[in-house]
Each structure stands twice: as C-alpha cells, then as structure tokens.
Amino acid sequence: MSKTYVLDAFALLAYLYAEAGGARVKELLQSAADREARVLLSLINYGEATYTVERRRGPAGAQELIGNVEALPLEQVGVGRELVFAAAHAKANHRLSYADAFAVALDMGQGAALVTRDPELKCLEGLVQIEWVGD
C-alpha cells in the first residue's frame, strides 16, 4: 500500500517557488505521479497558498499559482462537515491557524504524514506524523 502525504500551504509554496524543502515536495509529487504515493491538499490550504501569493505577486501571480497547482499529481480534498468539525477540534485544542487546522484534520483522517516547514506546527509533534522539509 502506498504512503499518503498531506501538503500544507508552506510545503506547496516551497515546491512552486523552489524554496527550502521544495526538492522533497518534488520527490513526493513524483512518487504520486508514479502511483507510489498519494499526495493530498485541502482546498482550504490551497486557498491559503493562493491568497499568500496574491498578496506578494498580485492577481496574476495567484492565477499562475492556480494553473501550476492544477497540473500537479495531487488530490484536492474538499471541505465537508466531517473535516470542518475535525479542524474545529484541532483548532480548539492547539495553538495553530484555522487553515493549518484543516491540514492537521486531513492528515489525521488519512493516517498520513503532514508535510510542512511551518514552525507553528511544532506543537503537534507526537500527535501527528510530521515530515519537516526545509531548514
């Protein structure tokens, strides 16, 4: 059975903009293309990456990001009631952003490894499997 990974916005942006940790995300995406792994992205975290890029690079940058993400071999996961309530529980019990709570909830629901370089998620070590990328 293949390994499952959940990308947060930090990991996605690291890959797209060749930042620290991007090479590891590229490896995971290649594994997904080869059907050796599953790579998941919550639509909430996709939105987080999109607004981050729009703030930095304007609407054209956000549209470029969307075009690039749509071509990636990852599964975009919608937000249903179960995920919303799991994210709410994660947010209520840990100091993390609401968007990060969706990555965590998706990760826990899939028994996956959360791929991140976000130091805010250090509080979750031991609770969820985290694959740290970058510095």
C-alpha atoms as a PDB file:
ATOM      1  CA  MET A   1       0.000   0.000   0.000  1.00  0.00           C
ATOM      2  CA  SER A   2       1.291   3.461  -0.829  1.00  0.00           C
ATOM      3  CA  LYS A   3       2.153   6.141   1.694  1.00  0.00           C
ATOM      4  CA  THR A   4      -0.104   9.184   1.982  1.00  0.00           C
ATOM      5  CA  TYR A   5       1.140  12.731   2.468  1.00  0.00           C
ATOM      6  CA  VAL A   6      -0.750  15.946   3.178  1.00  0.00           C
ATOM      7  CA  LEU A   7       0.790  19.205   1.998  1.00  0.00           C
ATOM      8  CA  ASP A   8       0.176  22.435   3.850  1.00  0.00           C
ATOM      9  CA  ALA A   9       0.492  25.835   2.172  1.00  0.00           C
ATOM     10  CA  PHE A  10       4.133  26.179   3.293  1.00  0.00           C
ATOM     11  CA  ALA A  11       5.111  22.918   1.586  1.00  0.00           C
ATOM     12  CA  LEU A  12       3.176  23.732  -1.586  1.00  0.00           C
ATOM     13  CA  LEU A  13       4.785  27.169  -1.869  1.00  0.00           C
ATOM     14  CA  ALA A  14       8.241  25.726  -1.136  1.00  0.00           C
ATOM     15  CA  TYR A  15       7.832  23.449  -4.146  1.00  0.00           C
ATOM     16  CA  LEU A  16       6.325  26.017  -6.505  1.00  0.00           C
ATOM     17  CA  TYR A  17       8.898  28.706  -5.746  1.00  0.00           C
ATOM     18  CA  ALA A  18      11.984  26.480  -5.268  1.00  0.00           C
ATOM     19  CA  GLU A  19      12.295  27.415  -1.603  1.00  0.00           C
ATOM     20  CA  ALA A  20      13.878  25.348   1.156  1.00  0.00           C
ATOM     21  CA  GLY A  21      12.133  21.969   1.270  1.00  0.00           C
ATOM     22  CA  GLY A  22      10.812  22.231  -2.274  1.00  0.00           C
ATOM     23  CA  ALA A  23      13.051  19.424  -3.530  1.00  0.00           C
ATOM     24  CA  ARG A  24      11.487  16.950  -1.065  1.00  0.00           C
ATOM     25  CA  VAL A  25       7.984  18.004  -2.094  1.00  0.00           C
ATOM     26  CA  LYS A  26       9.025  17.462  -5.725  1.00  0.00           C
ATOM     27  CA  GLU A  27      10.084  13.900  -4.818  1.00  0.00           C
ATOM     28  CA  LEU A  28       6.709  13.254  -3.186  1.00  0.00           C
ATOM     29  CA  LEU A  29       4.842  14.601  -6.201  1.00  0.00           C
ATOM     30  CA  GLN A  30       6.930  12.384  -8.486  1.00  0.00           C
ATOM     31  CA  SER A  31       6.003   9.411  -6.300  1.00  0.00           C
ATOM     32  CA  ALA A  32       2.350  10.395  -6.688  1.00  0.00           C
ATOM     33  CA  ALA A  33       2.772  10.637 -10.473  1.00  0.00           C
ATOM     34  CA  ASP A  34       4.310   7.150 -10.401  1.00  0.00           C
ATOM     35  CA  ARG A  35       1.379   5.948  -8.239  1.00  0.00           C
ATOM     36  CA  GLU A  36       3.761   5.033  -5.433  1.00  0.00           C
ATOM     37  CA  ALA A  37       2.244   7.561  -3.015  1.00  0.00           C
ATOM     38  CA  ARG A  38      -0.798   9.766  -2.557  1.00  0.00           C
ATOM     39  CA  VAL A  39      -0.353  13.489  -2.062  1.00  0.00           C
ATOM     40  CA  LEU A  40      -3.346  15.398  -0.686  1.00  0.00           C
ATOM     41  CA  LEU A  41      -4.087  19.111  -0.441  1.00  0.00           C
ATOM     42  CA  SER A  42      -7.068  20.543   1.399  1.00  0.00           C
ATOM     43  CA  LEU A  43      -8.893  23.200  -0.586  1.00  0.00           C
ATOM     44  CA  ILE A  44      -8.532  25.438   2.486  1.00  0.00           C
ATOM     45  CA  ASN A  45      -4.737  25.174   2.284  1.00  0.00           C
ATOM     46  CA  TYR A  46      -4.913  25.696  -1.485  1.00  0.00           C
ATOM     47  CA  GLY A  47      -6.810  28.907  -0.792  1.00  0.00           C
ATOM     48  CA  GLU A  48      -4.240  29.912   1.819  1.00  0.00           C
ATOM     49  CA  ALA A  49      -1.416  29.496  -0.697  1.00  0.00           C
ATOM     50  CA  THR A  50      -3.413  31.427  -3.297  1.00  0.00           C
ATOM     51  CA  TYR A  51      -4.087  34.452  -1.095  1.00  0.00           C
ATOM     52  CA  THR A  52      -0.468  34.442   0.100  1.00  0.00           C
ATOM     53  CA  VAL A  53       0.763  34.626  -3.487  1.00  0.00           C
ATOM     54  CA  GLU A  54      -1.800  37.246  -4.459  1.00  0.00           C
ATOM     55  CA  ARG A  55      -0.593  39.454  -1.606  1.00  0.00           C
ATOM     56  CA  ARG A  56       3.035  39.058  -2.731  1.00  0.00           C
ATOM     57  CA  ARG A  57       2.671  38.961  -6.522  1.00  0.00           C
ATOM     58  CA  GLY A  58      -0.787  40.302  -7.289  1.00  0.00           C
ATOM     59  CA  PRO A  59      -3.742  38.642  -9.061  1.00  0.00           C
ATOM     60  CA  ALA A  60      -1.597  37.498 -11.998  1.00  0.00           C
ATOM     61  CA  GLY A  61       0.694  35.651  -9.592  1.00  0.00           C
ATOM     62  CA  ALA A  62      -2.300  33.959  -7.989  1.00  0.00           C
ATOM     63  CA  GLN A  63      -3.615  32.869 -11.386  1.00  0.00           C
ATOM     64  CA  GLU A  64      -0.187  31.479 -12.267  1.00  0.00           C
ATOM     65  CA  LEU A  65      -0.150  29.527  -9.000  1.00  0.00           C
ATOM     66  CA  ILE A  66      -3.594  28.085  -9.741  1.00  0.00           C
ATOM     67  CA  GLY A  67      -2.504  26.973 -13.203  1.00  0.00           C
ATOM     68  CA  ASN A  68       0.582  25.313 -11.759  1.00  0.00           C
ATOM     69  CA  VAL A  69      -1.287  23.548  -8.954  1.00  0.00           C
ATOM     70  CA  GLU A  70      -3.965  22.241 -11.307  1.00  0.00           C
ATOM     71  CA  ALA A  71      -1.228  20.427 -13.256  1.00  0.00           C
ATOM     72  CA  LEU A  72       0.211  18.668 -10.199  1.00  0.00           C
ATOM     73  CA  PRO A  73      -0.400  14.977  -9.435  1.00  0.00           C
ATOM     74  CA  LEU A  74      -2.136  15.634  -6.146  1.00  0.00           C
ATOM     75  CA  GLU A  75      -5.624  15.104  -4.844  1.00  0.00           C
ATOM     76  CA  GLN A  76      -7.523  18.242  -3.900  1.00  0.00           C
ATOM     77  CA  VAL A  77      -9.741  17.450  -0.934  1.00  0.00           C
ATOM     78  CA  GLY A  78     -12.978  19.357  -0.477  1.00  0.00           C
ATOM     79  CA  VAL A  79     -14.309  20.530   2.827  1.00  0.00           C
ATOM     80  CA  GLY A  80     -17.226  18.542   4.168  1.00  0.00           C
ATOM     81  CA  ARG A  81     -18.838  18.568   7.592  1.00  0.00           C
ATOM     82  CA  GLU A  82     -16.571  15.863   8.991  1.00  0.00           C
ATOM     83  CA  LEU A  83     -13.412  17.746   8.042  1.00  0.00           C
ATOM     84  CA  VAL A  84     -14.809  21.067   9.306  1.00  0.00           C
ATOM     85  CA  PHE A  85     -15.570  19.633  12.737  1.00  0.00           C
ATOM     86  CA  ALA A  86     -12.234  17.798  12.922  1.00  0.00           C
ATOM     87  CA  ALA A  87     -10.454  21.075  12.068  1.00  0.00           C
ATOM     88  CA  ALA A  88     -12.509  22.923  14.672  1.00  0.00           C
ATOM     89  CA  HIS A  89     -11.469  20.342  17.275  1.00  0.00           C
ATOM     90  CA  ALA A  90      -7.793  20.691  16.299  1.00  0.00           C
ATOM     91  CA  LYS A  91      -8.028  24.493  16.472  1.00  0.00           C
ATOM     92  CA  ALA A  92      -9.794  24.421  19.838  1.00  0.00           C
ATOM     93  CA  ASN A  93      -7.094  22.261  21.381  1.00  0.00           C
ATOM     94  CA  HIS A  94      -3.885  23.591  19.803  1.00  0.00           C
ATOM     95  CA  ARG A  95      -2.303  26.932  19.020  1.00  0.00           C
ATOM     96  CA  LEU A  96      -2.440  26.931  15.248  1.00  0.00           C
ATOM     97  CA  SER A  97      -4.137  28.860  12.486  1.00  0.00           C
ATOM     98  CA  TYR A  98      -7.534  27.775  11.246  1.00  0.00           C
ATOM     99  CA  ALA A  99      -6.069  26.937   7.813  1.00  0.00           C
ATOM    100  CA  ASP A 100      -3.405  24.779   9.476  1.00  0.00           C
ATOM    101  CA  ALA A 101      -6.163  23.046  11.417  1.00  0.00           C
ATOM    102  CA  PHE A 102      -7.553  21.761   8.105  1.00  0.00           C
ATOM    103  CA  ALA A 103      -4.198  20.298   7.096  1.00  0.00           C
ATOM    104  CA  VAL A 104      -3.949  18.645  10.507  1.00  0.00           C
ATOM    105  CA  ALA A 105      -7.514  17.303  10.380  1.00  0.00           C
ATOM    106  CA  LEU A 106      -7.000  15.925   6.870  1.00  0.00           C
ATOM    107  CA  ASP A 107      -3.728  14.371   7.972  1.00  0.00           C
ATOM    108  CA  MET A 108      -5.284  12.695  10.998  1.00  0.00           C
ATOM    109  CA  GLY A 109      -8.244  11.429   8.992  1.00  0.00           C
ATOM    110  CA  GLN A 110      -5.964   9.819   6.432  1.00  0.00           C
ATOM    111  CA  GLY A 111      -3.264   8.488   8.766  1.00  0.00           C
ATOM    112  CA  ALA A 112      -0.856  10.450   6.604  1.00  0.00           C
ATOM    113  CA  ALA A 113       2.358  12.381   7.093  1.00  0.00           C
ATOM    114  CA  LEU A 114       1.880  16.140   7.238  1.00  0.00           C
ATOM    115  CA  VAL A 115       4.499  17.790   5.042  1.00  0.00           C
ATOM    116  CA  THR A 116       5.411  21.253   6.271  1.00  0.00           C
ATOM    117  CA  ARG A 117       8.083  23.737   7.149  1.00  0.00           C
ATOM    118  CA  ASP A 118       5.727  25.824   9.299  1.00  0.00           C
ATOM    119  CA  PRO A 119       7.253  26.245  12.788  1.00  0.00           C
ATOM    120  CA  GLU A 120       3.761  26.887  14.194  1.00  0.00           C
ATOM    121  CA  LEU A 121       3.083  23.154  13.829  1.00  0.00           C
ATOM    122  CA  LYS A 122       5.858  22.080  16.200  1.00  0.00           C
ATOM    123  CA  CYS A 123       3.213  21.937  18.922  1.00  0.00           C
ATOM    124  CA  LEU A 124       1.756  18.899  17.163  1.00  0.00           C
ATOM    125  CA  GLU A 125       4.866  16.721  17.203  1.00  0.00           C
ATOM    126  CA  GLY A 126       3.922  13.404  18.738  1.00  0.00           C
ATOM    127  CA  LEU A 127       0.233  13.924  17.971  1.00  0.00           C
ATOM    128  CA  VAL A 128       0.515  13.665  14.195  1.00  0.00           C
ATOM    129  CA  GLN A 129       3.238  12.365  11.938  1.00  0.00           C
ATOM    130  CA  ILE A 130       5.092  15.378  10.545  1.00  0.00           C
ATOM    131  CA  GLU A 131       7.649  15.347   7.785  1.00  0.00           C
ATOM    132  CA  TRP A 132       9.686  18.516   8.186  1.00  0.00           C
ATOM    133  CA  VAL A 133      11.056  19.945   4.957  1.00  0.00           C
ATOM    134  CA  GLY A 134      13.484  22.791   4.528  1.00  0.00           C
ATOM    135  CA  ASP A 135      15.589  24.499   7.149  1.00  0.00           C
END
